[in-house]
Amino acid sequence: MTIGLLRGANKPGHKGWTTEKCIMCATTLDFFQGYELKNIYYCPKCLSNGLKAYFCAADARKVHYKCPYCRNELKPYFE
């Protein structure tokens, strides 16, 4: 048993806590870099239904900023 030492993926600074995959092309989206680059889009309807619908800028442009699953408008993650 450890005394408050978090290791591996449970560590608060681990990259797994701040990254997601693009739902279409599986590109890794880093939310720290996305704040400055403004290149992460999401579908609010799919997220409320439990689907992790995050899109990279290239795929959002490819689907004309409409979600391919529910046809709802994609929103930028950082406005």
C-alpha atoms as a PDB file:
ATOM      1  CA  MET A   1       0.000   0.000   0.000  1.00  0.00           C
ATOM      2  CA  THR A   2       1.336   3.429  -0.884  1.00  0.00           C
ATOM      3  CA  ILE A   3       1.017   6.473   1.294  1.00  0.00           C
ATOM      4  CA  GLY A   4      -0.568   8.996  -1.070  1.00  0.00           C
ATOM      5  CA  LEU A   5       1.816   8.338  -3.977  1.00  0.00           C
ATOM      6  CA  LEU A   6      -0.001   8.216  -7.285  1.00  0.00           C
ATOM      7  CA  ARG A   7       1.828   6.486 -10.094  1.00  0.00           C
ATOM      8  CA  GLY A   8       1.207   5.758 -13.744  1.00  0.00           C
ATOM      9  CA  ALA A   9      -2.116   6.727 -15.315  1.00  0.00           C
ATOM     10  CA  ASN A  10      -3.572   7.753 -11.950  1.00  0.00           C
ATOM     11  CA  LYS A  11      -1.017  10.544 -11.516  1.00  0.00           C
ATOM     12  CA  PRO A  12      -2.723  13.967 -11.853  1.00  0.00           C
ATOM     13  CA  GLY A  13      -0.226  15.279 -14.426  1.00  0.00           C
ATOM     14  CA  HIS A  14      -0.559  12.268 -16.727  1.00  0.00           C
ATOM     15  CA  LYS A  15      -1.291  13.058 -20.415  1.00  0.00           C
ATOM     16  CA  GLY A  16      -4.254  10.657 -20.409  1.00  0.00           C
ATOM     17  CA  TRP A  17      -6.218  13.131 -18.304  1.00  0.00           C
ATOM     18  CA  THR A  18      -5.934  15.916 -20.897  1.00  0.00           C
ATOM     19  CA  THR A  19      -6.154  14.027 -24.197  1.00  0.00           C
ATOM     20  CA  GLU A  20      -8.945  12.491 -26.265  1.00  0.00           C
ATOM     21  CA  LYS A  21      -9.044  10.833 -29.678  1.00  0.00           C
ATOM     22  CA  CYS A  22     -10.787  12.247 -32.725  1.00  0.00           C
ATOM     23  CA  ILE A  23     -13.832  10.069 -33.321  1.00  0.00           C
ATOM     24  CA  MET A  24     -13.241   9.869 -37.075  1.00  0.00           C
ATOM     25  CA  CYS A  25      -9.475   9.602 -37.620  1.00  0.00           C
ATOM     26  CA  ALA A  26      -8.207   8.750 -34.098  1.00  0.00           C
ATOM     27  CA  THR A  27      -5.825  11.716 -34.007  1.00  0.00           C
ATOM     28  CA  THR A  28      -4.801  12.526 -30.454  1.00  0.00           C
ATOM     29  CA  LEU A  29      -6.310  15.843 -29.348  1.00  0.00           C
ATOM     30  CA  ASP A  30      -4.446  17.558 -26.520  1.00  0.00           C
ATOM     31  CA  PHE A  31      -6.724  19.973 -24.655  1.00  0.00           C
ATOM     32  CA  PHE A  32      -3.814  22.058 -23.310  1.00  0.00           C
ATOM     33  CA  GLN A  33      -2.587  22.763 -26.852  1.00  0.00           C
ATOM     34  CA  GLY A  34      -6.174  23.020 -28.109  1.00  0.00           C
ATOM     35  CA  TYR A  35      -6.757  26.058 -25.925  1.00  0.00           C
ATOM     36  CA  GLU A  36      -4.148  28.021 -27.887  1.00  0.00           C
ATOM     37  CA  LEU A  37      -4.695  26.412 -31.295  1.00  0.00           C
ATOM     38  CA  LYS A  38      -8.526  26.325 -31.136  1.00  0.00           C
ATOM     39  CA  ASN A  39      -8.578  23.107 -33.188  1.00  0.00           C
ATOM     40  CA  ILE A  40     -10.991  20.899 -31.190  1.00  0.00           C
ATOM     41  CA  TYR A  41     -14.693  20.615 -31.987  1.00  0.00           C
ATOM     42  CA  TYR A  42     -17.430  18.596 -30.277  1.00  0.00           C
ATOM     43  CA  CYS A  43     -21.078  17.658 -30.702  1.00  0.00           C
ATOM     44  CA  PRO A  44     -23.078  18.701 -27.610  1.00  0.00           C
ATOM     45  CA  LYS A  45     -25.962  16.313 -28.356  1.00  0.00           C
ATOM     46  CA  CYS A  46     -23.724  13.247 -28.697  1.00  0.00           C
ATOM     47  CA  LEU A  47     -21.761  14.196 -25.564  1.00  0.00           C
ATOM     48  CA  SER A  48     -24.994  14.433 -23.565  1.00  0.00           C
ATOM     49  CA  ASN A  49     -25.906  10.929 -24.803  1.00  0.00           C
ATOM     50  CA  GLY A  50     -22.568   9.524 -23.599  1.00  0.00           C
ATOM     51  CA  LEU A  51     -20.698   9.335 -26.919  1.00  0.00           C
ATOM     52  CA  LYS A  52     -17.266  10.993 -26.866  1.00  0.00           C
ATOM     53  CA  ALA A  53     -17.781  12.968 -30.075  1.00  0.00           C
ATOM     54  CA  TYR A  54     -14.637  15.108 -30.338  1.00  0.00           C
ATOM     55  CA  PHE A  55     -13.407  16.117 -33.793  1.00  0.00           C
ATOM     56  CA  CYS A  56     -10.104  17.512 -35.053  1.00  0.00           C
ATOM     57  CA  ALA A  57     -10.230  20.644 -37.214  1.00  0.00           C
ATOM     58  CA  ALA A  58      -9.607  18.711 -40.449  1.00  0.00           C
ATOM     59  CA  ASP A  59     -12.485  16.282 -39.903  1.00  0.00           C
ATOM     60  CA  ALA A  60     -14.830  19.038 -38.709  1.00  0.00           C
ATOM     61  CA  ARG A  61     -14.138  20.892 -41.944  1.00  0.00           C
ATOM     62  CA  LYS A  62     -14.585  17.654 -43.926  1.00  0.00           C
ATOM     63  CA  VAL A  63     -18.118  17.093 -42.553  1.00  0.00           C
ATOM     64  CA  HIS A  64     -18.979  20.805 -42.955  1.00  0.00           C
ATOM     65  CA  TYR A  65     -19.200  21.353 -39.174  1.00  0.00           C
ATOM     66  CA  LYS A  66     -22.179  18.973 -38.851  1.00  0.00           C
ATOM     67  CA  CYS A  67     -22.026  15.834 -36.724  1.00  0.00           C
ATOM     68  CA  PRO A  68     -22.140  12.761 -39.004  1.00  0.00           C
ATOM     69  CA  TYR A  69     -24.039  10.784 -36.336  1.00  0.00           C
ATOM     70  CA  CYS A  70     -26.895  13.133 -35.375  1.00  0.00           C
ATOM     71  CA  ARG A  71     -26.544  16.005 -37.928  1.00  0.00           C
ATOM     72  CA  ASN A  72     -26.269  18.539 -35.111  1.00  0.00           C
ATOM     73  CA  GLU A  73     -23.938  21.538 -35.468  1.00  0.00           C
ATOM     74  CA  LEU A  74     -20.387  21.100 -34.132  1.00  0.00           C
ATOM     75  CA  LYS A  75     -19.180  23.648 -31.609  1.00  0.00           C
ATOM     76  CA  PRO A  76     -15.578  24.717 -30.913  1.00  0.00           C
ATOM     77  CA  TYR A  77     -14.401  23.345 -27.580  1.00  0.00           C
ATOM     78  CA  PHE A  78     -12.664  26.606 -26.603  1.00  0.00           C
ATOM     79  CA  GLU A  79     -14.559  29.727 -27.623  1.00  0.00           C
END
